[in-house]
Amino acid sequence: MRKLNKGRKLSRTKNKRKALLKALVTSLFLHERIQTTEAKAKELRVVAEKFITRAKNNTIANKRVLAQVLSPKINKKLFEEIAPKYKDRNGGYTRIMRLGPRPSDGANMVIIELVK
């Protein structure tokens, strides 16, 4: 039983799931809009919003924490471009729009994007 266990496993081990979310969040911050499955997008939303909230408080400690996860290019963009846009917003930095099932396997596809 999965009592009180949050998050989705996404049919992956912990390390592969962590790598997947790192790649997805990097793509989201780079392109500001990506297309993925609904389950991945819902899990990505949690990670991306935590990163943006941390980046809004522009301190050395927060830069070091995010530098362990993100590449220097993405880290710079997050702190200099993305986070300042949301300084007056208390969460809800991403939007998920449903596209319908994928033709090959029927997985529900969505677009996840950063809110303007």
PDB file of N, CA and C in Angstrom:
ATOM      1  N   MET A   1       0.827  -1.184   0.000  1.00  0.00           N
ATOM      2  CA  MET A   1       0.000   0.000   0.000  1.00  0.00           C
ATOM      3  C   MET A   1       0.873   1.249   0.000  1.00  0.00           C
ATOM      4  N   ARG A   2       0.442   2.271  -0.721  1.00  0.00           N
ATOM      5  CA  ARG A   2       1.226   3.491  -0.849  1.00  0.00           C
ATOM      6  C   ARG A   2       0.696   4.576   0.062  1.00  0.00           C
ATOM      7  N   LYS A   3       0.490   4.294   1.306  1.00  0.00           N
ATOM      8  CA  LYS A   3      -0.069   5.282   2.217  1.00  0.00           C
ATOM      9  C   LYS A   3       0.913   6.426   2.436  1.00  0.00           C
ATOM     10  N   LEU A   4       0.424   7.634   2.238  1.00  0.00           N
ATOM     11  CA  LEU A   4       1.186   8.864   2.462  1.00  0.00           C
ATOM     12  C   LEU A   4       2.417   9.002   1.573  1.00  0.00           C
ATOM     13  N   ASN A   5       2.506   8.239   0.487  1.00  0.00           N
ATOM     14  CA  ASN A   5       3.612   8.373  -0.453  1.00  0.00           C
ATOM     15  C   ASN A   5       3.186   9.291  -1.581  1.00  0.00           C
ATOM     16  N   LYS A   6       3.813  10.452  -1.669  1.00  0.00           N
ATOM     17  CA  LYS A   6       3.446  11.423  -2.692  1.00  0.00           C
ATOM     18  C   LYS A   6       4.252  11.192  -3.957  1.00  0.00           C
ATOM     19  N   GLY A   7       3.746  11.688  -5.058  1.00  0.00           N
ATOM     20  CA  GLY A   7       4.478  11.630  -6.317  1.00  0.00           C
ATOM     21  C   GLY A   7       4.144  10.398  -7.131  1.00  0.00           C
ATOM     22  N   ARG A   8       4.560  10.449  -8.377  1.00  0.00           N
ATOM     23  CA  ARG A   8       4.330   9.356  -9.312  1.00  0.00           C
ATOM     24  C   ARG A   8       5.644   8.635  -9.569  1.00  0.00           C
ATOM     25  N   LYS A   9       5.557   7.338  -9.807  1.00  0.00           N
ATOM     26  CA  LYS A   9       6.773   6.573 -10.070  1.00  0.00           C
ATOM     27  C   LYS A   9       7.172   6.626 -11.544  1.00  0.00           C
ATOM     28  N   LEU A  10       6.215   6.854 -12.422  1.00  0.00           N
ATOM     29  CA  LEU A  10       6.453   6.969 -13.863  1.00  0.00           C
ATOM     30  C   LEU A  10       7.160   5.736 -14.434  1.00  0.00           C
ATOM     31  N   SER A  11       6.960   4.574 -13.819  1.00  0.00           N
ATOM     32  CA  SER A  11       7.547   3.306 -14.271  1.00  0.00           C
ATOM     33  C   SER A  11       9.060   3.374 -14.372  1.00  0.00           C
ATOM     34  N   ARG A  12       9.703   4.081 -13.441  1.00  0.00           N
ATOM     35  CA  ARG A  12      11.146   4.228 -13.452  1.00  0.00           C
ATOM     36  C   ARG A  12      11.705   4.070 -12.049  1.00  0.00           C
ATOM     37  N   THR A  13      12.988   3.752 -11.987  1.00  0.00           N
ATOM     38  CA  THR A  13      13.663   3.735 -10.701  1.00  0.00           C
ATOM     39  C   THR A  13      13.906   5.179 -10.255  1.00  0.00           C
ATOM     40  N   LYS A  14      14.336   5.348  -9.023  1.00  0.00           N
ATOM     41  CA  LYS A  14      14.503   6.692  -8.469  1.00  0.00           C
ATOM     42  C   LYS A  14      15.502   7.525  -9.278  1.00  0.00           C
ATOM     43  N   ASN A  15      16.640   6.949  -9.634  1.00  0.00           N
ATOM     44  CA  ASN A  15      17.661   7.702 -10.364  1.00  0.00           C
ATOM     45  C   ASN A  15      17.196   8.085 -11.765  1.00  0.00           C
ATOM     46  N   LYS A  16      16.516   7.163 -12.440  1.00  0.00           N
ATOM     47  CA  LYS A  16      16.025   7.463 -13.788  1.00  0.00           C
ATOM     48  C   LYS A  16      14.896   8.482 -13.747  1.00  0.00           C
ATOM     49  N   ARG A  17      14.057   8.398 -12.730  1.00  0.00           N
ATOM     50  CA  ARG A  17      12.974   9.373 -12.563  1.00  0.00           C
ATOM     51  C   ARG A  17      13.548  10.764 -12.299  1.00  0.00           C
ATOM     52  N   LYS A  18      14.570  10.826 -11.466  1.00  0.00           N
ATOM     53  CA  LYS A  18      15.226  12.099 -11.154  1.00  0.00           C
ATOM     54  C   LYS A  18      15.869  12.697 -12.409  1.00  0.00           C
ATOM     55  N   ALA A  19      16.517  11.866 -13.219  1.00  0.00           N
ATOM     56  CA  ALA A  19      17.143  12.323 -14.461  1.00  0.00           C
ATOM     57  C   ALA A  19      16.091  12.804 -15.454  1.00  0.00           C
ATOM     58  N   LEU A  20      14.976  12.098 -15.529  1.00  0.00           N
ATOM     59  CA  LEU A  20      13.891  12.491 -16.422  1.00  0.00           C
ATOM     60  C   LEU A  20      13.345  13.865 -16.039  1.00  0.00           C
ATOM     61  N   LEU A  21      13.072  14.061 -14.752  1.00  0.00           N
ATOM     62  CA  LEU A  21      12.529  15.342 -14.305  1.00  0.00           C
ATOM     63  C   LEU A  21      13.537  16.472 -14.495  1.00  0.00           C
ATOM     64  N   LYS A  22      14.815  16.180 -14.318  1.00  0.00           N
ATOM     65  CA  LYS A  22      15.855  17.184 -14.543  1.00  0.00           C
ATOM     66  C   LYS A  22      15.867  17.606 -16.016  1.00  0.00           C
ATOM     67  N   ALA A  23      15.771  16.637 -16.918  1.00  0.00           N
ATOM     68  CA  ALA A  23      15.744  16.938 -18.347  1.00  0.00           C
ATOM     69  C   ALA A  23      14.489  17.718 -18.727  1.00  0.00           C
ATOM     70  N   LEU A  24      13.345  17.327 -18.158  1.00  0.00           N
ATOM     71  CA  LEU A  24      12.094  18.019 -18.467  1.00  0.00           C
ATOM     72  C   LEU A  24      12.102  19.454 -17.952  1.00  0.00           C
ATOM     73  N   VAL A  25      12.591  19.666 -16.732  1.00  0.00           N
ATOM     74  CA  VAL A  25      12.599  21.014 -16.174  1.00  0.00           C
ATOM     75  C   VAL A  25      13.593  21.892 -16.935  1.00  0.00           C
ATOM     76  N   THR A  26      14.705  21.313 -17.375  1.00  0.00           N
ATOM     77  CA  THR A  26      15.668  22.064 -18.189  1.00  0.00           C
ATOM     78  C   THR A  26      15.034  22.492 -19.504  1.00  0.00           C
ATOM     79  N   SER A  27      14.324  21.584 -20.158  1.00  0.00           N
ATOM     80  CA  SER A  27      13.647  21.912 -21.415  1.00  0.00           C
ATOM     81  C   SER A  27      12.559  22.959 -21.208  1.00  0.00           C
ATOM     82  N   LEU A  28      11.826  22.832 -20.111  1.00  0.00           N
ATOM     83  CA  LEU A  28      10.756  23.793 -19.830  1.00  0.00           C
ATOM     84  C   LEU A  28      11.328  25.195 -19.631  1.00  0.00           C
ATOM     85  N   PHE A  29      12.399  25.315 -18.856  1.00  0.00           N
ATOM     86  CA  PHE A  29      12.980  26.633 -18.625  1.00  0.00           C
ATOM     87  C   PHE A  29      13.661  27.176 -19.879  1.00  0.00           C
ATOM     88  N   LEU A  30      14.197  26.305 -20.720  1.00  0.00           N
ATOM     89  CA  LEU A  30      14.865  26.752 -21.944  1.00  0.00           C
ATOM     90  C   LEU A  30      13.860  27.226 -22.988  1.00  0.00           C
ATOM     91  N   HIS A  31      12.804  26.438 -23.214  1.00  0.00           N
ATOM     92  CA  HIS A  31      11.837  26.741 -24.278  1.00  0.00           C
ATOM     93  C   HIS A  31      10.567  27.416 -23.759  1.00  0.00           C
ATOM     94  N   GLU A  32      10.332  27.360 -22.459  1.00  0.00           N
ATOM     95  CA  GLU A  32       9.167  27.930 -21.783  1.00  0.00           C
ATOM     96  C   GLU A  32       7.853  27.280 -22.178  1.00  0.00           C
ATOM     97  N   ARG A  33       7.921  26.205 -22.964  1.00  0.00           N
ATOM     98  CA  ARG A  33       6.712  25.463 -23.360  1.00  0.00           C
ATOM     99  C   ARG A  33       7.151  24.138 -23.956  1.00  0.00           C
ATOM    100  N   ILE A  34       6.635  23.029 -23.397  1.00  0.00           N
ATOM    101  CA  ILE A  34       6.979  21.720 -23.944  1.00  0.00           C
ATOM    102  C   ILE A  34       5.730  20.842 -24.002  1.00  0.00           C
ATOM    103  N   GLN A  35       5.812  19.819 -24.840  1.00  0.00           N
ATOM    104  CA  GLN A  35       4.724  18.857 -24.968  1.00  0.00           C
ATOM    105  C   GLN A  35       5.189  17.535 -24.377  1.00  0.00           C
ATOM    106  N   THR A  36       4.371  16.954 -23.501  1.00  0.00           N
ATOM    107  CA  THR A  36       4.717  15.696 -22.836  1.00  0.00           C
ATOM    108  C   THR A  36       3.435  14.989 -22.418  1.00  0.00           C
ATOM    109  N   THR A  37       3.567  13.873 -21.735  1.00  0.00           N
ATOM    110  CA  THR A  37       2.377  13.165 -21.268  1.00  0.00           C
ATOM    111  C   THR A  37       1.824  13.853 -20.019  1.00  0.00           C
ATOM    112  N   GLU A  38       0.584  13.568 -19.721  1.00  0.00           N
ATOM    113  CA  GLU A  38      -0.085  14.236 -18.602  1.00  0.00           C
ATOM    114  C   GLU A  38       0.560  13.885 -17.260  1.00  0.00           C
ATOM    115  N   ALA A  39       0.906  12.632 -17.055  1.00  0.00           N
ATOM    116  CA  ALA A  39       1.510  12.223 -15.784  1.00  0.00           C
ATOM    117  C   ALA A  39       2.855  12.905 -15.572  1.00  0.00           C
ATOM    118  N   LYS A  40       3.675  12.955 -16.623  1.00  0.00           N
ATOM    119  CA  LYS A  40       4.976  13.624 -16.508  1.00  0.00           C
ATOM    120  C   LYS A  40       4.806  15.114 -16.265  1.00  0.00           C
ATOM    121  N   ALA A  41       3.825  15.726 -16.919  1.00  0.00           N
ATOM    122  CA  ALA A  41       3.600  17.168 -16.748  1.00  0.00           C
ATOM    123  C   ALA A  41       3.155  17.497 -15.330  1.00  0.00           C
ATOM    124  N   LYS A  42       2.307  16.665 -14.762  1.00  0.00           N
ATOM    125  CA  LYS A  42       1.835  16.920 -13.399  1.00  0.00           C
ATOM    126  C   LYS A  42       2.976  16.788 -12.393  1.00  0.00           C
ATOM    127  N   GLU A  43       3.874  15.868 -12.624  1.00  0.00           N
ATOM    128  CA  GLU A  43       5.023  15.714 -11.738  1.00  0.00           C
ATOM    129  C   GLU A  43       6.038  16.833 -11.987  1.00  0.00           C
ATOM    130  N   LEU A  44       6.189  17.229 -13.248  1.00  0.00           N
ATOM    131  CA  LEU A  44       7.103  18.323 -13.605  1.00  0.00           C
ATOM    132  C   LEU A  44       6.657  19.640 -12.992  1.00  0.00           C
ATOM    133  N   ARG A  45       5.357  19.860 -12.934  1.00  0.00           N
ATOM    134  CA  ARG A  45       4.821  21.107 -12.368  1.00  0.00           C
ATOM    135  C   ARG A  45       5.315  21.310 -10.938  1.00  0.00           C
ATOM    136  N   VAL A  46       5.314  20.258 -10.146  1.00  0.00           N
ATOM    137  CA  VAL A  46       5.747  20.342  -8.746  1.00  0.00           C
ATOM    138  C   VAL A  46       7.207  20.783  -8.674  1.00  0.00           C
ATOM    139  N   VAL A  47       8.058  20.149  -9.479  1.00  0.00           N
ATOM    140  CA  VAL A  47       9.492  20.453  -9.453  1.00  0.00           C
ATOM    141  C   VAL A  47       9.760  21.868  -9.964  1.00  0.00           C
ATOM    142  N   ALA A  48       9.156  22.232 -11.082  1.00  0.00           N
ATOM    143  CA  ALA A  48       9.413  23.540 -11.692  1.00  0.00           C
ATOM    144  C   ALA A  48       8.960  24.677 -10.777  1.00  0.00           C
ATOM    145  N   GLU A  49       7.821  24.525 -10.141  1.00  0.00           N
ATOM    146  CA  GLU A  49       7.334  25.602  -9.278  1.00  0.00           C
ATOM    147  C   GLU A  49       8.199  25.758  -8.036  1.00  0.00           C
ATOM    148  N   LYS A  50       8.741  24.663  -7.519  1.00  0.00           N
ATOM    149  CA  LYS A  50       9.662  24.771  -6.388  1.00  0.00           C
ATOM    150  C   LYS A  50      10.940  25.492  -6.801  1.00  0.00           C
ATOM    151  N   PHE A  51      11.441  25.214  -8.011  1.00  0.00           N
ATOM    152  CA  PHE A  51      12.650  25.869  -8.485  1.00  0.00           C
ATOM    153  C   PHE A  51      12.419  27.368  -8.678  1.00  0.00           C
ATOM    154  N   ILE A  52      11.277  27.741  -9.255  1.00  0.00           N
ATOM    155  CA  ILE A  52      10.992  29.154  -9.490  1.00  0.00           C
ATOM    156  C   ILE A  52      10.823  29.883  -8.161  1.00  0.00           C
ATOM    157  N   THR A  53      10.142  29.265  -7.213  1.00  0.00           N
ATOM    158  CA  THR A  53       9.966  29.883  -5.904  1.00  0.00           C
ATOM    159  C   THR A  53      11.314  30.101  -5.231  1.00  0.00           C
ATOM    160  N   ARG A  54      12.197  29.143  -5.346  1.00  0.00           N
ATOM    161  CA  ARG A  54      13.527  29.288  -4.757  1.00  0.00           C
ATOM    162  C   ARG A  54      14.315  30.382  -5.483  1.00  0.00           C
ATOM    163  N   ALA A  55      14.171  30.473  -6.793  1.00  0.00           N
ATOM    164  CA  ALA A  55      14.918  31.467  -7.577  1.00  0.00           C
ATOM    165  C   ALA A  55      14.410  32.890  -7.333  1.00  0.00           C
ATOM    166  N   LYS A  56      13.156  33.029  -6.915  1.00  0.00           N
ATOM    167  CA  LYS A  56      12.626  34.364  -6.619  1.00  0.00           C
ATOM    168  C   LYS A  56      13.395  35.018  -5.478  1.00  0.00           C
ATOM    169  N   ASN A  57      13.851  34.217  -4.518  1.00  0.00           N
ATOM    170  CA  ASN A  57      14.679  34.717  -3.428  1.00  0.00           C
ATOM    171  C   ASN A  57      16.132  34.582  -3.875  1.00  0.00           C
ATOM    172  N   ASN A  58      16.649  35.613  -4.502  1.00  0.00           N
ATOM    173  CA  ASN A  58      17.938  35.577  -5.187  1.00  0.00           C
ATOM    174  C   ASN A  58      19.085  35.681  -4.180  1.00  0.00           C
ATOM    175  N   THR A  59      19.453  34.552  -3.578  1.00  0.00           N
ATOM    176  CA  THR A  59      20.563  34.524  -2.631  1.00  0.00           C
ATOM    177  C   THR A  59      21.630  33.550  -3.136  1.00  0.00           C
ATOM    178  N   ILE A  60      22.810  33.667  -2.577  1.00  0.00           N
ATOM    179  CA  ILE A  60      23.904  32.772  -2.952  1.00  0.00           C
ATOM    180  C   ILE A  60      23.539  31.322  -2.619  1.00  0.00           C
ATOM    181  N   ALA A  61      22.911  31.123  -1.470  1.00  0.00           N
ATOM    182  CA  ALA A  61      22.542  29.768  -1.061  1.00  0.00           C
ATOM    183  C   ALA A  61      21.590  29.132  -2.074  1.00  0.00           C
ATOM    184  N   ASN A  62      20.587  29.887  -2.517  1.00  0.00           N
ATOM    185  CA  ASN A  62      19.638  29.343  -3.495  1.00  0.00           C
ATOM    186  C   ASN A  62      20.310  29.100  -4.837  1.00  0.00           C
ATOM    187  N   LYS A  63      21.230  29.964  -5.228  1.00  0.00           N
ATOM    188  CA  LYS A  63      21.957  29.745  -6.485  1.00  0.00           C
ATOM    189  C   LYS A  63      22.779  28.472  -6.422  1.00  0.00           C
ATOM    190  N   ARG A  64      23.385  28.219  -5.269  1.00  0.00           N
ATOM    191  CA  ARG A  64      24.210  27.015  -5.126  1.00  0.00           C
ATOM    192  C   ARG A  64      23.356  25.751  -5.132  1.00  0.00           C
ATOM    193  N   VAL A  65      22.199  25.814  -4.496  1.00  0.00           N
ATOM    194  CA  VAL A  65      21.311  24.643  -4.471  1.00  0.00           C
ATOM    195  C   VAL A  65      20.845  24.300  -5.884  1.00  0.00           C
ATOM    196  N   LEU A  66      20.424  25.307  -6.635  1.00  0.00           N
ATOM    197  CA  LEU A  66      19.928  25.054  -7.993  1.00  0.00           C
ATOM    198  C   LEU A  66      21.063  24.745  -8.959  1.00  0.00           C
ATOM    199  N   ALA A  67      22.275  25.219  -8.671  1.00  0.00           N
ATOM    200  CA  ALA A  67      23.417  24.913  -9.539  1.00  0.00           C
ATOM    201  C   ALA A  67      23.773  23.432  -9.487  1.00  0.00           C
ATOM    202  N   GLN A  68      23.416  22.759  -8.409  1.00  0.00           N
ATOM    203  CA  GLN A  68      23.671  21.323  -8.327  1.00  0.00           C
ATOM    204  C   GLN A  68      22.763  20.543  -9.268  1.00  0.00           C
ATOM    205  N   VAL A  69      21.626  21.113  -9.607  1.00  0.00           N
ATOM    206  CA  VAL A  69      20.641  20.395 -10.416  1.00  0.00           C
ATOM    207  C   VAL A  69      20.651  20.875 -11.872  1.00  0.00           C
ATOM    208  N   LEU A  70      20.734  22.182 -12.076  1.00  0.00           N
ATOM    209  CA  LEU A  70      20.600  22.764 -13.408  1.00  0.00           C
ATOM    210  C   LEU A  70      21.954  23.149 -13.989  1.00  0.00           C
ATOM    211  N   SER A  71      22.008  23.231 -15.310  1.00  0.00           N
ATOM    212  CA  SER A  71      23.230  23.667 -15.971  1.00  0.00           C
ATOM    213  C   SER A  71      23.419  25.174 -15.744  1.00  0.00           C
ATOM    214  N   PRO A  72      24.627  25.676 -15.882  1.00  0.00           N
ATOM    215  CA  PRO A  72      24.871  27.106 -15.653  1.00  0.00           C
ATOM    216  C   PRO A  72      24.034  28.023 -16.551  1.00  0.00           C
ATOM    217  N   LYS A  73      23.835  27.613 -17.783  1.00  0.00           N
ATOM    218  CA  LYS A  73      23.043  28.426 -18.722  1.00  0.00           C
ATOM    219  C   LYS A  73      21.591  28.536 -18.254  1.00  0.00           C
ATOM    220  N   ILE A  74      21.004  27.416 -17.871  1.00  0.00           N
ATOM    221  CA  ILE A  74      19.617  27.402 -17.421  1.00  0.00           C
ATOM    222  C   ILE A  74      19.487  28.102 -16.071  1.00  0.00           C
ATOM    223  N   ASN A  75      20.475  27.912 -15.203  1.00  0.00           N
ATOM    224  CA  ASN A  75      20.466  28.544 -13.891  1.00  0.00           C
ATOM    225  C   ASN A  75      20.475  30.074 -14.043  1.00  0.00           C
ATOM    226  N   LYS A  76      21.291  30.563 -14.951  1.00  0.00           N
ATOM    227  CA  LYS A  76      21.374  32.005 -15.191  1.00  0.00           C
ATOM    228  C   LYS A  76      20.044  32.532 -15.727  1.00  0.00           C
ATOM    229  N   LYS A  77      19.456  31.809 -16.676  1.00  0.00           N
ATOM    230  CA  LYS A  77      18.174  32.234 -17.239  1.00  0.00           C
ATOM    231  C   LYS A  77      17.082  32.229 -16.175  1.00  0.00           C
ATOM    232  N   LEU A  78      17.095  31.226 -15.319  1.00  0.00           N
ATOM    233  CA  LEU A  78      16.088  31.122 -14.262  1.00  0.00           C
ATOM    234  C   LEU A  78      16.173  32.309 -13.315  1.00  0.00           C
ATOM    235  N   PHE A  79      17.359  32.663 -12.880  1.00  0.00           N
ATOM    236  CA  PHE A  79      17.510  33.742 -11.908  1.00  0.00           C
ATOM    237  C   PHE A  79      17.369  35.131 -12.534  1.00  0.00           C
ATOM    238  N   GLU A  80      17.768  35.302 -13.800  1.00  0.00           N
ATOM    239  CA  GLU A  80      17.773  36.636 -14.400  1.00  0.00           C
ATOM    240  C   GLU A  80      16.535  36.958 -15.219  1.00  0.00           C
ATOM    241  N   GLU A  81      15.881  35.942 -15.811  1.00  0.00           N
ATOM    242  CA  GLU A  81      14.737  36.213 -16.685  1.00  0.00           C
ATOM    243  C   GLU A  81      13.418  35.675 -16.131  1.00  0.00           C
ATOM    244  N   ILE A  82      13.414  34.422 -15.725  1.00  0.00           N
ATOM    245  CA  ILE A  82      12.152  33.767 -15.365  1.00  0.00           C
ATOM    246  C   ILE A  82      11.651  34.211 -13.995  1.00  0.00           C
ATOM    247  N   ALA A  83      12.479  34.107 -12.972  1.00  0.00           N
ATOM    248  CA  ALA A  83      12.047  34.422 -11.604  1.00  0.00           C
ATOM    249  C   ALA A  83      11.587  35.872 -11.425  1.00  0.00           C
ATOM    250  N   PRO A  84      12.275  36.872 -12.001  1.00  0.00           N
ATOM    251  CA  PRO A  84      11.795  38.250 -11.825  1.00  0.00           C
ATOM    252  C   PRO A  84      10.390  38.504 -12.394  1.00  0.00           C
ATOM    253  N   LYS A  85       9.983  37.723 -13.409  1.00  0.00           N
ATOM    254  CA  LYS A  85       8.631  37.880 -13.952  1.00  0.00           C
ATOM    255  C   LYS A  85       7.563  37.548 -12.921  1.00  0.00           C
ATOM    256  N   TYR A  86       7.891  36.657 -11.973  1.00  0.00           N
ATOM    257  CA  TYR A  86       6.907  36.157 -11.021  1.00  0.00           C
ATOM    258  C   TYR A  86       7.102  36.706  -9.617  1.00  0.00           C
ATOM    259  N   LYS A  87       7.794  37.831  -9.468  1.00  0.00           N
ATOM    260  CA  LYS A  87       8.090  38.326  -8.120  1.00  0.00           C
ATOM    261  C   LYS A  87       6.831  38.712  -7.349  1.00  0.00           C
ATOM    262  N   ASP A  88       5.761  39.108  -8.030  1.00  0.00           N
ATOM    263  CA  ASP A  88       4.522  39.487  -7.355  1.00  0.00           C
ATOM    264  C   ASP A  88       3.483  38.363  -7.359  1.00  0.00           C
ATOM    265  N   ARG A  89       3.868  37.192  -7.805  1.00  0.00           N
ATOM    266  CA  ARG A  89       2.923  36.077  -7.926  1.00  0.00           C
ATOM    267  C   ARG A  89       3.237  35.021  -6.870  1.00  0.00           C
ATOM    268  N   ASN A  90       2.217  34.531  -6.197  1.00  0.00           N
ATOM    269  CA  ASN A  90       2.399  33.536  -5.141  1.00  0.00           C
ATOM    270  C   ASN A  90       2.069  32.136  -5.648  1.00  0.00           C
ATOM    271  N   GLY A  91       2.858  31.610  -6.534  1.00  0.00           N
ATOM    272  CA  GLY A  91       2.635  30.268  -7.058  1.00  0.00           C
ATOM    273  C   GLY A  91       1.817  30.284  -8.336  1.00  0.00           C
ATOM    274  N   GLY A  92       1.606  29.111  -8.899  1.00  0.00           N
ATOM    275  CA  GLY A  92       0.847  28.999 -10.143  1.00  0.00           C
ATOM    276  C   GLY A  92       1.623  29.536 -11.326  1.00  0.00           C
ATOM    277  N   TYR A  93       2.889  29.128 -11.447  1.00  0.00           N
ATOM    278  CA  TYR A  93       3.743  29.649 -12.512  1.00  0.00           C
ATOM    279  C   TYR A  93       3.605  28.855 -13.805  1.00  0.00           C
ATOM    280  N   THR A  94       2.960  27.697 -13.748  1.00  0.00           N
ATOM    281  CA  THR A  94       2.837  26.855 -14.938  1.00  0.00           C
ATOM    282  C   THR A  94       1.370  26.611 -15.281  1.00  0.00           C
ATOM    283  N   ARG A  95       1.135  26.273 -16.531  1.00  0.00           N
ATOM    284  CA  ARG A  95      -0.209  25.973 -17.023  1.00  0.00           C
ATOM    285  C   ARG A  95      -0.136  24.669 -17.806  1.00  0.00           C
ATOM    286  N   ILE A  96      -1.120  23.802 -17.618  1.00  0.00           N
ATOM    287  CA  ILE A  96      -1.195  22.548 -18.363  1.00  0.00           C
ATOM    288  C   ILE A  96      -2.440  22.591 -19.238  1.00  0.00           C
ATOM    289  N   MET A  97      -2.235  22.400 -20.552  1.00  0.00           N
ATOM    290  CA  MET A  97      -3.351  22.372 -21.510  1.00  0.00           C
ATOM    291  C   MET A  97      -3.397  20.995 -22.164  1.00  0.00           C
ATOM    292  N   ARG A  98      -4.544  20.361 -22.115  1.00  0.00           N
ATOM    293  CA  ARG A  98      -4.682  19.017 -22.650  1.00  0.00           C
ATOM    294  C   ARG A  98      -4.812  19.044 -24.172  1.00  0.00           C
ATOM    295  N   LEU A  99      -4.172  18.046 -24.819  1.00  0.00           N
ATOM    296  CA  LEU A  99      -4.207  17.944 -26.278  1.00  0.00           C
ATOM    297  C   LEU A  99      -5.009  16.751 -26.762  1.00  0.00           C
ATOM    298  N   GLY A 100      -5.175  15.741 -25.918  1.00  0.00           N
ATOM    299  CA  GLY A 100      -5.870  14.530 -26.333  1.00  0.00           C
ATOM    300  C   GLY A 100      -4.908  13.364 -26.367  1.00  0.00           C
ATOM    301  N   PRO A 101      -5.403  12.196 -26.743  1.00  0.00           N
ATOM    302  CA  PRO A 101      -4.555  10.995 -26.716  1.00  0.00           C
ATOM    303  C   PRO A 101      -3.523  10.968 -27.847  1.00  0.00           C
ATOM    304  N   ARG A 102      -2.376  10.366 -27.557  1.00  0.00           N
ATOM    305  CA  ARG A 102      -1.333  10.170 -28.565  1.00  0.00           C
ATOM    306  C   ARG A 102      -1.777   9.018 -29.467  1.00  0.00           C
ATOM    307  N   PRO A 103      -1.643   9.154 -30.771  1.00  0.00           N
ATOM    308  CA  PRO A 103      -2.148   8.119 -31.678  1.00  0.00           C
ATOM    309  C   PRO A 103      -1.517   6.739 -31.477  1.00  0.00           C
ATOM    310  N   SER A 104      -0.241   6.683 -31.158  1.00  0.00           N
ATOM    311  CA  SER A 104       0.444   5.392 -31.103  1.00  0.00           C
ATOM    312  C   SER A 104       0.016   4.532 -29.920  1.00  0.00           C
ATOM    313  N   ASP A 105      -0.051   5.122 -28.726  1.00  0.00           N
ATOM    314  CA  ASP A 105      -0.364   4.304 -27.552  1.00  0.00           C
ATOM    315  C   ASP A 105      -1.527   4.830 -26.721  1.00  0.00           C
ATOM    316  N   GLY A 106      -2.108   5.937 -27.104  1.00  0.00           N
ATOM    317  CA  GLY A 106      -3.273   6.453 -26.406  1.00  0.00           C
ATOM    318  C   GLY A 106      -2.967   7.221 -25.132  1.00  0.00           C
ATOM    319  N   ALA A 107      -1.694   7.531 -24.883  1.00  0.00           N
ATOM    320  CA  ALA A 107      -1.339   8.300 -23.684  1.00  0.00           C
ATOM    321  C   ALA A 107      -1.864   9.726 -23.825  1.00  0.00           C
ATOM    322  N   ASN A 108      -2.405  10.266 -22.748  1.00  0.00           N
ATOM    323  CA  ASN A 108      -2.924  11.630 -22.787  1.00  0.00           C
ATOM    324  C   ASN A 108      -1.777  12.631 -22.884  1.00  0.00           C
ATOM    325  N   MET A 109      -1.770  13.436 -23.936  1.00  0.00           N
ATOM    326  CA  MET A 109      -0.720  14.410 -24.178  1.00  0.00           C
ATOM    327  C   MET A 109      -1.171  15.786 -23.716  1.00  0.00           C
ATOM    328  N   VAL A 110      -0.216  16.575 -23.227  1.00  0.00           N
ATOM    329  CA  VAL A 110      -0.506  17.929 -22.759  1.00  0.00           C
ATOM    330  C   VAL A 110       0.636  18.851 -23.178  1.00  0.00           C
ATOM    331  N   ILE A 111       0.354  20.145 -23.119  1.00  0.00           N
ATOM    332  CA  ILE A 111       1.391  21.155 -23.247  1.00  0.00           C
ATOM    333  C   ILE A 111       1.511  21.805 -21.888  1.00  0.00           C
ATOM    334  N   ILE A 112       2.711  21.862 -21.353  1.00  0.00           N
ATOM    335  CA  ILE A 112       2.959  22.573 -20.104  1.00  0.00           C
ATOM    336  C   ILE A 112       3.814  23.782 -20.449  1.00  0.00           C
ATOM    337  N   GLU A 113       3.382  24.931 -19.947  1.00  0.00           N
ATOM    338  CA  GLU A 113       4.095  26.165 -20.277  1.00  0.00           C
ATOM    339  C   GLU A 113       4.157  27.073 -19.059  1.00  0.00           C
ATOM    340  N   LEU A 114       5.104  27.984 -19.095  1.00  0.00           N
ATOM    341  CA  LEU A 114       5.208  28.990 -18.052  1.00  0.00           C
ATOM    342  C   LEU A 114       4.187  30.081 -18.322  1.00  0.00           C
ATOM    343  N   VAL A 115       3.471  30.502 -17.315  1.00  0.00           N
ATOM    344  CA  VAL A 115       2.450  31.541 -17.448  1.00  0.00           C
ATOM    345  C   VAL A 115       3.141  32.869 -17.683  1.00  0.00           C
ATOM    346  N   LYS A 116       2.583  33.700 -18.505  1.00  0.00           N
ATOM    347  CA  LYS A 116       3.180  35.006 -18.817  1.00  0.00           C
ATOM    348  C   LYS A 116       2.992  35.977 -17.691  1.00  0.00           C
TER     349      LYS A 116
END
